[in-house]
């Protein structure tokens, strides 16, 4: 399990890790992800936080399952932004450096 506080991991080929980052797509923002070829994204989901029925605008967690598929130094990077806006350099970012053996 990796989150905003996890910036580096060691993995072996075939091992998986879940990356969970807070998100609220009702605002138009989402995590725009890139990763190197040695990390395969095998699943991506959004899990809304527990909330009372009828509540709107509730945040949650965007999650990815990554599988180590190639040895070497690998990277998973994400930028929290609106897809219809140009990047400003002020966006929240997340980087996970993975050494795959």
PDB file of N, CA and C in Angstrom:
ATOM      1  N   UNK A   1       0.856  -1.181   0.000  1.00  0.00           N
ATOM      2  CA  UNK A   1       0.000   0.000   0.000  1.00  0.00           C
ATOM      3  C   UNK A   1       0.897   1.238   0.000  1.00  0.00           C
ATOM      4  N   UNK A   2       0.664   2.139  -0.944  1.00  0.00           N
ATOM      5  CA  UNK A   2       1.418   3.382  -1.038  1.00  0.00           C
ATOM      6  C   UNK A   2       0.434   4.544  -1.068  1.00  0.00           C
ATOM      7  N   UNK A   3       0.816   5.655  -0.448  1.00  0.00           N
ATOM      8  CA  UNK A   3      -0.014   6.856  -0.486  1.00  0.00           C
ATOM      9  C   UNK A   3       0.881   8.074  -0.621  1.00  0.00           C
ATOM     10  N   UNK A   4       0.325   9.246  -0.392  1.00  0.00           N
ATOM     11  CA  UNK A   4       1.053  10.497  -0.597  1.00  0.00           C
ATOM     12  C   UNK A   4       2.344  10.562   0.232  1.00  0.00           C
ATOM     13  N   UNK A   5       2.417   9.780   1.322  1.00  0.00           N
ATOM     14  CA  UNK A   5       3.593   9.767   2.181  1.00  0.00           C
ATOM     15  C   UNK A   5       4.642   8.750   1.748  1.00  0.00           C
ATOM     16  N   UNK A   6       4.348   7.932   0.742  1.00  0.00           N
ATOM     17  CA  UNK A   6       5.282   6.924   0.264  1.00  0.00           C
ATOM     18  C   UNK A   6       5.923   7.423  -1.025  1.00  0.00           C
ATOM     19  N   UNK A   7       7.244   7.572  -1.028  1.00  0.00           N
ATOM     20  CA  UNK A   7       7.909   8.114  -2.211  1.00  0.00           C
ATOM     21  C   UNK A   7       8.877   7.130  -2.858  1.00  0.00           C
ATOM     22  N   UNK A   8       9.170   6.014  -2.190  1.00  0.00           N
ATOM     23  CA  UNK A   8      10.104   5.039  -2.758  1.00  0.00           C
ATOM     24  C   UNK A   8       9.753   3.643  -2.269  1.00  0.00           C
ATOM     25  N   UNK A   9       9.913   2.666  -3.164  1.00  0.00           N
ATOM     26  CA  UNK A   9       9.634   1.267  -2.849  1.00  0.00           C
ATOM     27  C   UNK A   9      10.630   0.372  -3.559  1.00  0.00           C
ATOM     28  N   UNK A  10      10.839  -0.816  -3.017  1.00  0.00           N
ATOM     29  CA  UNK A  10      11.561  -1.880  -3.715  1.00  0.00           C
ATOM     30  C   UNK A  10      10.547  -2.984  -3.981  1.00  0.00           C
ATOM     31  N   UNK A  11      10.536  -3.496  -5.211  1.00  0.00           N
ATOM     32  CA  UNK A  11       9.597  -4.551  -5.584  1.00  0.00           C
ATOM     33  C   UNK A  11      10.337  -5.613  -6.388  1.00  0.00           C
ATOM     34  N   UNK A  12       9.731  -6.778  -6.485  1.00  0.00           N
ATOM     35  CA  UNK A  12      10.265  -7.812  -7.363  1.00  0.00           C
ATOM     36  C   UNK A  12       9.278  -8.009  -8.519  1.00  0.00           C
ATOM     37  N   UNK A  13       9.762  -8.505  -9.632  1.00  0.00           N
ATOM     38  CA  UNK A  13       8.900  -8.712 -10.795  1.00  0.00           C
ATOM     39  C   UNK A  13       7.727  -9.610 -10.404  1.00  0.00           C
ATOM     40  N   UNK A  14       6.532  -9.191 -10.797  1.00  0.00           N
ATOM     41  CA  UNK A  14       5.310  -9.919 -10.476  1.00  0.00           C
ATOM     42  C   UNK A  14       4.606  -9.417  -9.237  1.00  0.00           C
ATOM     43  N   UNK A  15       5.291  -8.637  -8.423  1.00  0.00           N
ATOM     44  CA  UNK A  15       4.685  -8.087  -7.203  1.00  0.00           C
ATOM     45  C   UNK A  15       3.786  -6.909  -7.574  1.00  0.00           C
ATOM     46  N   UNK A  16       2.723  -6.684  -6.771  1.00  0.00           N
ATOM     47  CA  UNK A  16       1.821  -5.568  -7.006  1.00  0.00           C
ATOM     48  C   UNK A  16       1.787  -4.640  -5.796  1.00  0.00           C
ATOM     49  N   UNK A  17       1.390  -3.398  -6.038  1.00  0.00           N
ATOM     50  CA  UNK A  17       1.209  -2.415  -4.978  1.00  0.00           C
ATOM     51  C   UNK A  17      -0.008  -1.567  -5.334  1.00  0.00           C
ATOM     52  N   UNK A  18      -0.758  -1.173  -4.304  1.00  0.00           N
ATOM     53  CA  UNK A  18      -1.891  -0.265  -4.485  1.00  0.00           C
ATOM     54  C   UNK A  18      -1.424   1.146  -4.113  1.00  0.00           C
ATOM     55  N   UNK A  19      -1.643   2.091  -5.019  1.00  0.00           N
ATOM     56  CA  UNK A  19      -1.360   3.498  -4.767  1.00  0.00           C
ATOM     57  C   UNK A  19      -2.700   4.190  -4.569  1.00  0.00           C
ATOM     58  N   UNK A  20      -2.879   4.882  -3.440  1.00  0.00           N
ATOM     59  CA  UNK A  20      -4.137   5.556  -3.100  1.00  0.00           C
ATOM     60  C   UNK A  20      -3.876   7.040  -2.867  1.00  0.00           C
ATOM     61  N   UNK A  21      -4.557   7.892  -3.646  1.00  0.00           N
ATOM     62  CA  UNK A  21      -4.406   9.337  -3.521  1.00  0.00           C
ATOM     63  C   UNK A  21      -5.776   9.990  -3.382  1.00  0.00           C
ATOM     64  N   UNK A  22      -5.897  10.908  -2.433  1.00  0.00           N
ATOM     65  CA  UNK A  22      -7.153  11.622  -2.213  1.00  0.00           C
ATOM     66  C   UNK A  22      -7.531  12.400  -3.465  1.00  0.00           C
ATOM     67  N   UNK A  23      -8.832  12.386  -3.781  1.00  0.00           N
ATOM     68  CA  UNK A  23      -9.313  13.075  -4.984  1.00  0.00           C
ATOM     69  C   UNK A  23     -10.771  13.473  -4.794  1.00  0.00           C
ATOM     70  N   UNK A  24     -11.208  14.429  -5.610  1.00  0.00           N
ATOM     71  CA  UNK A  24     -12.616  14.814  -5.621  1.00  0.00           C
ATOM     72  C   UNK A  24     -13.000  15.209  -7.041  1.00  0.00           C
ATOM     73  N   UNK A  25     -13.401  14.217  -7.860  1.00  0.00           N
ATOM     74  CA  UNK A  25     -13.697  14.505  -9.265  1.00  0.00           C
ATOM     75  C   UNK A  25     -14.875  15.450  -9.484  1.00  0.00           C
ATOM     76  N   UNK A  26     -15.702  15.670  -8.459  1.00  0.00           N
ATOM     77  CA  UNK A  26     -16.820  16.602  -8.633  1.00  0.00           C
ATOM     78  C   UNK A  26     -16.325  18.032  -8.854  1.00  0.00           C
ATOM     79  N   UNK A  27     -15.057  18.299  -8.523  1.00  0.00           N
ATOM     80  CA  UNK A  27     -14.466  19.622  -8.728  1.00  0.00           C
ATOM     81  C   UNK A  27     -13.862  19.771 -10.115  1.00  0.00           C
ATOM     82  N   UNK A  28     -13.841  18.665 -10.888  1.00  0.00           N
ATOM     83  CA  UNK A  28     -13.203  18.691 -12.198  1.00  0.00           C
ATOM     84  C   UNK A  28     -11.746  18.277 -12.154  1.00  0.00           C
ATOM     85  N   UNK A  29     -11.200  18.109 -10.951  1.00  0.00           N
ATOM     86  CA  UNK A  29      -9.807  17.708 -10.799  1.00  0.00           C
ATOM     87  C   UNK A  29      -9.689  16.191 -10.770  1.00  0.00           C
ATOM     88  N   UNK A  30      -8.602  15.691 -11.367  1.00  0.00           N
ATOM     89  CA  UNK A  30      -8.282  14.272 -11.272  1.00  0.00           C
ATOM     90  C   UNK A  30      -6.773  14.114 -11.401  1.00  0.00           C
ATOM     91  N   UNK A  31      -6.288  12.966 -10.981  1.00  0.00           N
ATOM     92  CA  UNK A  31      -4.868  12.660 -11.076  1.00  0.00           C
ATOM     93  C   UNK A  31      -4.555  12.223 -12.502  1.00  0.00           C
ATOM     94  N   UNK A  32      -3.658  12.939 -13.160  1.00  0.00           N
ATOM     95  CA  UNK A  32      -3.181  12.617 -14.503  1.00  0.00           C
ATOM     96  C   UNK A  32      -1.879  11.835 -14.319  1.00  0.00           C
ATOM     97  N   UNK A  33      -1.895  10.555 -14.687  1.00  0.00           N
ATOM     98  CA  UNK A  33      -0.816   9.630 -14.342  1.00  0.00           C
ATOM     99  C   UNK A  33       0.071   9.304 -15.533  1.00  0.00           C
ATOM    100  N   UNK A  34       1.363   9.190 -15.259  1.00  0.00           N
ATOM    101  CA  UNK A  34       2.324   8.625 -16.213  1.00  0.00           C
ATOM    102  C   UNK A  34       3.177   7.617 -15.443  1.00  0.00           C
ATOM    103  N   UNK A  35       3.656   6.594 -16.139  1.00  0.00           N
ATOM    104  CA  UNK A  35       4.512   5.601 -15.496  1.00  0.00           C
ATOM    105  C   UNK A  35       5.471   5.026 -16.521  1.00  0.00           C
ATOM    106  N   UNK A  36       6.604   4.544 -16.021  1.00  0.00           N
ATOM    107  CA  UNK A  36       7.575   3.929 -16.912  1.00  0.00           C
ATOM    108  C   UNK A  36       7.109   2.519 -17.267  1.00  0.00           C
ATOM    109  N   UNK A  37       7.709   1.954 -18.324  1.00  0.00           N
ATOM    110  CA  UNK A  37       7.253   0.674 -18.876  1.00  0.00           C
ATOM    111  C   UNK A  37       7.388  -0.495 -17.909  1.00  0.00           C
ATOM    112  N   UNK A  38       8.217  -0.364 -16.890  1.00  0.00           N
ATOM    113  CA  UNK A  38       8.410  -1.455 -15.938  1.00  0.00           C
ATOM    114  C   UNK A  38       7.331  -1.564 -14.880  1.00  0.00           C
ATOM    115  N   UNK A  39       6.402  -0.607 -14.866  1.00  0.00           N
ATOM    116  CA  UNK A  39       5.255  -0.644 -13.951  1.00  0.00           C
ATOM    117  C   UNK A  39       3.985  -0.656 -14.785  1.00  0.00           C
ATOM    118  N   UNK A  40       3.253  -1.749 -14.740  1.00  0.00           N
ATOM    119  CA  UNK A  40       1.999  -1.856 -15.485  1.00  0.00           C
ATOM    120  C   UNK A  40       0.841  -1.488 -14.572  1.00  0.00           C
ATOM    121  N   UNK A  41      -0.047  -0.612 -15.043  1.00  0.00           N
ATOM    122  CA  UNK A  41      -1.270  -0.292 -14.304  1.00  0.00           C
ATOM    123  C   UNK A  41      -2.281  -1.377 -14.659  1.00  0.00           C
ATOM    124  N   UNK A  42      -2.613  -2.227 -13.679  1.00  0.00           N
ATOM    125  CA  UNK A  42      -3.521  -3.334 -13.966  1.00  0.00           C
ATOM    126  C   UNK A  42      -4.952  -3.033 -13.516  1.00  0.00           C
ATOM    127  N   UNK A  43      -5.126  -1.961 -12.740  1.00  0.00           N
ATOM    128  CA  UNK A  43      -6.479  -1.550 -12.355  1.00  0.00           C
ATOM    129  C   UNK A  43      -6.434  -0.106 -11.875  1.00  0.00           C
ATOM    130  N   UNK A  44      -7.519   0.635 -12.148  1.00  0.00           N
ATOM    131  CA  UNK A  44      -7.680   2.001 -11.637  1.00  0.00           C
ATOM    132  C   UNK A  44      -9.130   2.148 -11.209  1.00  0.00           C
ATOM    133  N   UNK A  45      -9.343   2.631  -9.978  1.00  0.00           N
ATOM    134  CA  UNK A  45     -10.699   2.812  -9.469  1.00  0.00           C
ATOM    135  C   UNK A  45     -10.786   4.100  -8.665  1.00  0.00           C
ATOM    136  N   UNK A  46     -12.016   4.533  -8.429  1.00  0.00           N
ATOM    137  CA  UNK A  46     -12.288   5.667  -7.549  1.00  0.00           C
ATOM    138  C   UNK A  46     -13.251   5.180  -6.479  1.00  0.00           C
ATOM    139  N   UNK A  47     -12.895   5.412  -5.216  1.00  0.00           N
ATOM    140  CA  UNK A  47     -13.723   4.987  -4.088  1.00  0.00           C
ATOM    141  C   UNK A  47     -14.185   6.240  -3.356  1.00  0.00           C
ATOM    142  N   UNK A  48     -15.483   6.486  -3.363  1.00  0.00           N
ATOM    143  CA  UNK A  48     -16.028   7.677  -2.696  1.00  0.00           C
ATOM    144  C   UNK A  48     -16.016   7.467  -1.177  1.00  0.00           C
ATOM    145  N   UNK A  49     -15.756   8.537  -0.426  1.00  0.00           N
ATOM    146  CA  UNK A  49     -15.783   8.477   1.034  1.00  0.00           C
ATOM    147  C   UNK A  49     -17.191   8.150   1.523  1.00  0.00           C
ATOM    148  N   UNK A  50     -17.281   7.544   2.690  1.00  0.00           N
ATOM    149  CA  UNK A  50     -18.585   7.293   3.313  1.00  0.00           C
ATOM    150  C   UNK A  50     -19.305   8.635   3.488  1.00  0.00           C
ATOM    151  N   UNK A  51     -20.611   8.652   3.190  1.00  0.00           N
ATOM    152  CA  UNK A  51     -21.360   9.902   3.287  1.00  0.00           C
ATOM    153  C   UNK A  51     -22.840   9.601   3.469  1.00  0.00           C
ATOM    154  N   UNK A  52     -23.549  10.590   3.953  1.00  0.00           N
ATOM    155  CA  UNK A  52     -25.002  10.456   4.118  1.00  0.00           C
ATOM    156  C   UNK A  52     -25.675  10.453   2.763  1.00  0.00           C
ATOM    157  N   UNK A  53     -26.774   9.746   2.659  1.00  0.00           N
ATOM    158  CA  UNK A  53     -27.522   9.686   1.409  1.00  0.00           C
ATOM    159  C   UNK A  53     -27.954  11.090   0.992  1.00  0.00           C
ATOM    160  N   UNK A  54     -27.787  11.380  -0.285  1.00  0.00           N
ATOM    161  CA  UNK A  54     -28.193  12.678  -0.807  1.00  0.00           C
ATOM    162  C   UNK A  54     -27.097  13.731  -0.799  1.00  0.00           C
ATOM    163  N   UNK A  55     -25.976  13.465  -0.109  1.00  0.00           N
ATOM    164  CA  UNK A  55     -24.882  14.436  -0.109  1.00  0.00           C
ATOM    165  C   UNK A  55     -24.214  14.445  -1.472  1.00  0.00           C
ATOM    166  N   UNK A  56     -23.825  15.627  -1.946  1.00  0.00           N
ATOM    167  CA  UNK A  56     -23.123  15.761  -3.218  1.00  0.00           C
ATOM    168  C   UNK A  56     -21.775  16.433  -2.976  1.00  0.00           C
ATOM    169  N   UNK A  57     -20.872  16.289  -3.934  1.00  0.00           N
ATOM    170  CA  UNK A  57     -19.560  16.929  -3.811  1.00  0.00           C
ATOM    171  C   UNK A  57     -18.634  16.236  -2.842  1.00  0.00           C
ATOM    172  N   UNK A  58     -18.928  14.979  -2.528  1.00  0.00           N
ATOM    173  CA  UNK A  58     -18.123  14.227  -1.572  1.00  0.00           C
ATOM    174  C   UNK A  58     -16.846  13.730  -2.254  1.00  0.00           C
ATOM    175  N   UNK A  59     -15.732  13.865  -1.570  1.00  0.00           N
ATOM    176  CA  UNK A  59     -14.450  13.395  -2.092  1.00  0.00           C
ATOM    177  C   UNK A  59     -14.263  11.914  -1.875  1.00  0.00           C
ATOM    178  N   UNK A  60     -13.080  11.449  -2.204  1.00  0.00           N
ATOM    179  CA  UNK A  60     -12.772  10.036  -2.039  1.00  0.00           C
ATOM    180  C   UNK A  60     -11.311   9.766  -2.322  1.00  0.00           C
ATOM    181  N   UNK A  61     -11.041   8.573  -2.844  1.00  0.00           N
ATOM    182  CA  UNK A  61      -9.673   8.141  -3.099  1.00  0.00           C
ATOM    183  C   UNK A  61      -9.595   7.537  -4.494  1.00  0.00           C
ATOM    184  N   UNK A  62      -8.641   8.006  -5.274  1.00  0.00           N
ATOM    185  CA  UNK A  62      -8.350   7.397  -6.568  1.00  0.00           C
ATOM    186  C   UNK A  62      -7.262   6.360  -6.318  1.00  0.00           C
ATOM    187  N   UNK A  63      -7.459   5.137  -6.821  1.00  0.00           N
ATOM    188  CA  UNK A  63      -6.524   4.043  -6.548  1.00  0.00           C
ATOM    189  C   UNK A  63      -6.075   3.381  -7.844  1.00  0.00           C
ATOM    190  N   UNK A  64      -4.810   2.991  -7.851  1.00  0.00           N
ATOM    191  CA  UNK A  64      -4.227   2.242  -8.955  1.00  0.00           C
ATOM    192  C   UNK A  64      -3.554   1.003  -8.385  1.00  0.00           C
ATOM    193  N   UNK A  65      -3.661  -0.113  -9.098  1.00  0.00           N
ATOM    194  CA  UNK A  65      -2.878  -1.302  -8.773  1.00  0.00           C
ATOM    195  C   UNK A  65      -1.773  -1.371  -9.817  1.00  0.00           C
ATOM    196  N   UNK A  66      -0.527  -1.347  -9.336  1.00  0.00           N
ATOM    197  CA  UNK A  66       0.637  -1.405 -10.217  1.00  0.00           C
ATOM    198  C   UNK A  66       1.301  -2.761 -10.071  1.00  0.00           C
ATOM    199  N   UNK A  67       1.747  -3.321 -11.191  1.00  0.00           N
ATOM    200  CA  UNK A  67       2.509  -4.563 -11.156  1.00  0.00           C
ATOM    201  C   UNK A  67       3.904  -4.291 -11.700  1.00  0.00           C
ATOM    202  N   UNK A  68       4.907  -4.784 -10.970  1.00  0.00           N
ATOM    203  CA  UNK A  68       6.288  -4.679 -11.427  1.00  0.00           C
ATOM    204  C   UNK A  68       6.501  -5.703 -12.541  1.00  0.00           C
ATOM    205  N   UNK A  69       6.837  -5.235 -13.746  1.00  0.00           N
ATOM    206  CA  UNK A  69       6.960  -6.142 -14.890  1.00  0.00           C
ATOM    207  C   UNK A  69       8.345  -6.108 -15.543  1.00  0.00           C
ATOM    208  N   UNK A  70       9.192  -5.179 -15.106  1.00  0.00           N
ATOM    209  CA  UNK A  70      10.502  -5.039 -15.737  1.00  0.00           C
ATOM    210  C   UNK A  70      11.502  -4.541 -14.698  1.00  0.00           C
ATOM    211  N   UNK A  71      12.662  -5.181 -14.623  1.00  0.00           N
ATOM    212  CA  UNK A  71      13.683  -4.801 -13.646  1.00  0.00           C
ATOM    213  C   UNK A  71      14.243  -3.414 -13.955  1.00  0.00           C
ATOM    214  N   UNK A  72      14.722  -2.760 -12.903  1.00  0.00           N
ATOM    215  CA  UNK A  72      15.360  -1.459 -13.061  1.00  0.00           C
ATOM    216  C   UNK A  72      14.667  -0.381 -12.246  1.00  0.00           C
ATOM    217  N   UNK A  73      15.084   0.860 -12.484  1.00  0.00           N
ATOM    218  CA  UNK A  73      14.495   2.005 -11.790  1.00  0.00           C
ATOM    219  C   UNK A  73      13.240   2.431 -12.544  1.00  0.00           C
ATOM    220  N   UNK A  74      12.099   2.409 -11.850  1.00  0.00           N
ATOM    221  CA  UNK A  74      10.810   2.714 -12.454  1.00  0.00           C
ATOM    222  C   UNK A  74      10.160   3.879 -11.698  1.00  0.00           C
ATOM    223  N   UNK A  75       9.227   4.551 -12.349  1.00  0.00           N
ATOM    224  CA  UNK A  75       8.571   5.710 -11.737  1.00  0.00           C
ATOM    225  C   UNK A  75       7.084   5.738 -12.077  1.00  0.00           C
ATOM    226  N   UNK A  76       6.277   6.055 -11.053  1.00  0.00           N
ATOM    227  CA  UNK A  76       4.856   6.341 -11.197  1.00  0.00           C
ATOM    228  C   UNK A  76       4.694   7.803 -10.789  1.00  0.00           C
ATOM    229  N   UNK A  77       4.154   8.636 -11.673  1.00  0.00           N
ATOM    230  CA  UNK A  77       3.997  10.065 -11.391  1.00  0.00           C
ATOM    231  C   UNK A  77       2.557  10.484 -11.639  1.00  0.00           C
ATOM    232  N   UNK A  78       2.077  11.432 -10.829  1.00  0.00           N
ATOM    233  CA  UNK A  78       0.714  11.917 -10.984  1.00  0.00           C
ATOM    234  C   UNK A  78       0.662  13.418 -10.704  1.00  0.00           C
ATOM    235  N   UNK A  79      -0.175  14.106 -11.487  1.00  0.00           N
ATOM    236  CA  UNK A  79      -0.410  15.540 -11.314  1.00  0.00           C
ATOM    237  C   UNK A  79      -1.911  15.726 -11.139  1.00  0.00           C
ATOM    238  N   UNK A  80      -2.315  16.438 -10.074  1.00  0.00           N
ATOM    239  CA  UNK A  80      -3.734  16.665  -9.777  1.00  0.00           C
ATOM    240  C   UNK A  80      -4.172  17.944 -10.476  1.00  0.00           C
ATOM    241  N   UNK A  81      -4.952  17.790 -11.548  1.00  0.00           N
ATOM    242  CA  UNK A  81      -5.308  18.958 -12.350  1.00  0.00           C
ATOM    243  C   UNK A  81      -6.618  18.724 -13.094  1.00  0.00           C
ATOM    244  N   UNK A  82      -7.141  19.792 -13.663  1.00  0.00           N
ATOM    245  CA  UNK A  82      -8.304  19.708 -14.549  1.00  0.00           C
ATOM    246  C   UNK A  82      -7.784  19.496 -15.965  1.00  0.00           C
ATOM    247  N   UNK A  83      -8.325  18.502 -16.656  1.00  0.00           N
ATOM    248  CA  UNK A  83      -7.830  18.152 -17.988  1.00  0.00           C
ATOM    249  C   UNK A  83      -8.026  19.278 -18.996  1.00  0.00           C
ATOM    250  N   UNK A  84      -8.985  20.161 -18.746  1.00  0.00           N
ATOM    251  CA  UNK A  84      -9.283  21.238 -19.694  1.00  0.00           C
ATOM    252  C   UNK A  84      -8.516  22.524 -19.404  1.00  0.00           C
ATOM    253  N   UNK A  85      -7.625  22.505 -18.399  1.00  0.00           N
ATOM    254  CA  UNK A  85      -6.832  23.685 -18.077  1.00  0.00           C
ATOM    255  C   UNK A  85      -5.354  23.425 -18.355  1.00  0.00           C
ATOM    256  N   UNK A  86      -4.649  24.465 -18.744  1.00  0.00           N
ATOM    257  CA  UNK A  86      -3.211  24.362 -18.945  1.00  0.00           C
ATOM    258  C   UNK A  86      -2.518  24.252 -17.583  1.00  0.00           C
ATOM    259  N   UNK A  87      -1.471  23.427 -17.472  1.00  0.00           N
ATOM    260  CA  UNK A  87      -0.731  23.337 -16.201  1.00  0.00           C
ATOM    261  C   UNK A  87      -0.106  24.688 -15.830  1.00  0.00           C
ATOM    262  N   UNK A  88      -0.108  24.987 -14.542  1.00  0.00           N
ATOM    263  CA  UNK A  88       0.461  26.251 -14.067  1.00  0.00           C
ATOM    264  C   UNK A  88       1.773  26.052 -13.322  1.00  0.00           C
ATOM    265  N   UNK A  89       2.071  24.796 -12.938  1.00  0.00           N
ATOM    266  CA  UNK A  89       3.246  24.532 -12.110  1.00  0.00           C
ATOM    267  C   UNK A  89       2.913  24.573 -10.626  1.00  0.00           C
ATOM    268  N   UNK A  90       1.679  24.948 -10.298  1.00  0.00           N
ATOM    269  CA  UNK A  90       1.238  25.028  -8.903  1.00  0.00           C
ATOM    270  C   UNK A  90       0.428  23.798  -8.484  1.00  0.00           C
ATOM    271  N   UNK A  91       0.237  22.839  -9.398  1.00  0.00           N
ATOM    272  CA  UNK A  91      -0.582  21.668  -9.115  1.00  0.00           C
ATOM    273  C   UNK A  91       0.062  20.778  -8.048  1.00  0.00           C
ATOM    274  N   UNK A  92      -0.783  20.026  -7.336  1.00  0.00           N
ATOM    275  CA  UNK A  92      -0.280  18.993  -6.442  1.00  0.00           C
ATOM    276  C   UNK A  92       0.295  17.882  -7.307  1.00  0.00           C
ATOM    277  N   UNK A  93       1.424  17.341  -6.880  1.00  0.00           N
ATOM    278  CA  UNK A  93       2.050  16.257  -7.628  1.00  0.00           C
ATOM    279  C   UNK A  93       2.405  15.120  -6.681  1.00  0.00           C
ATOM    280  N   UNK A  94       2.609  13.941  -7.258  1.00  0.00           N
ATOM    281  CA  UNK A  94       3.015  12.762  -6.506  1.00  0.00           C
ATOM    282  C   UNK A  94       3.955  11.944  -7.380  1.00  0.00           C
ATOM    283  N   UNK A  95       5.059  11.513  -6.799  1.00  0.00           N
ATOM    284  CA  UNK A  95       6.000  10.654  -7.506  1.00  0.00           C
ATOM    285  C   UNK A  95       6.394   9.490  -6.615  1.00  0.00           C
ATOM    286  N   UNK A  96       6.320   8.286  -7.175  1.00  0.00           N
ATOM    287  CA  UNK A  96       6.761   7.080  -6.492  1.00  0.00           C
ATOM    288  C   UNK A  96       7.891   6.471  -7.298  1.00  0.00           C
ATOM    289  N   UNK A  97       9.093   6.420  -6.703  1.00  0.00           N
ATOM    290  CA  UNK A  97      10.245   5.801  -7.340  1.00  0.00           C
ATOM    291  C   UNK A  97      10.320   4.348  -6.874  1.00  0.00           C
ATOM    292  N   UNK A  98      10.408   3.425  -7.828  1.00  0.00           N
ATOM    293  CA  UNK A  98      10.393   1.997  -7.532  1.00  0.00           C
ATOM    294  C   UNK A  98      11.631   1.347  -8.134  1.00  0.00           C
ATOM    295  N   UNK A  99      12.342   0.587  -7.311  1.00  0.00           N
ATOM    296  CA  UNK A  99      13.439  -0.225  -7.813  1.00  0.00           C
ATOM    297  C   UNK A  99      12.900  -1.650  -7.922  1.00  0.00           C
ATOM    298  N   UNK A 100      12.868  -2.162  -9.153  1.00  0.00           N
ATOM    299  CA  UNK A 100      12.347  -3.501  -9.411  1.00  0.00           C
ATOM    300  C   UNK A 100      13.516  -4.451  -9.613  1.00  0.00           C
ATOM    301  N   UNK A 101      13.503  -5.541  -8.865  1.00  0.00           N
ATOM    302  CA  UNK A 101      14.573  -6.546  -8.989  1.00  0.00           C
ATOM    303  C   UNK A 101      14.035  -7.817  -9.602  1.00  0.00           C
TER     304      UNK A 101
END
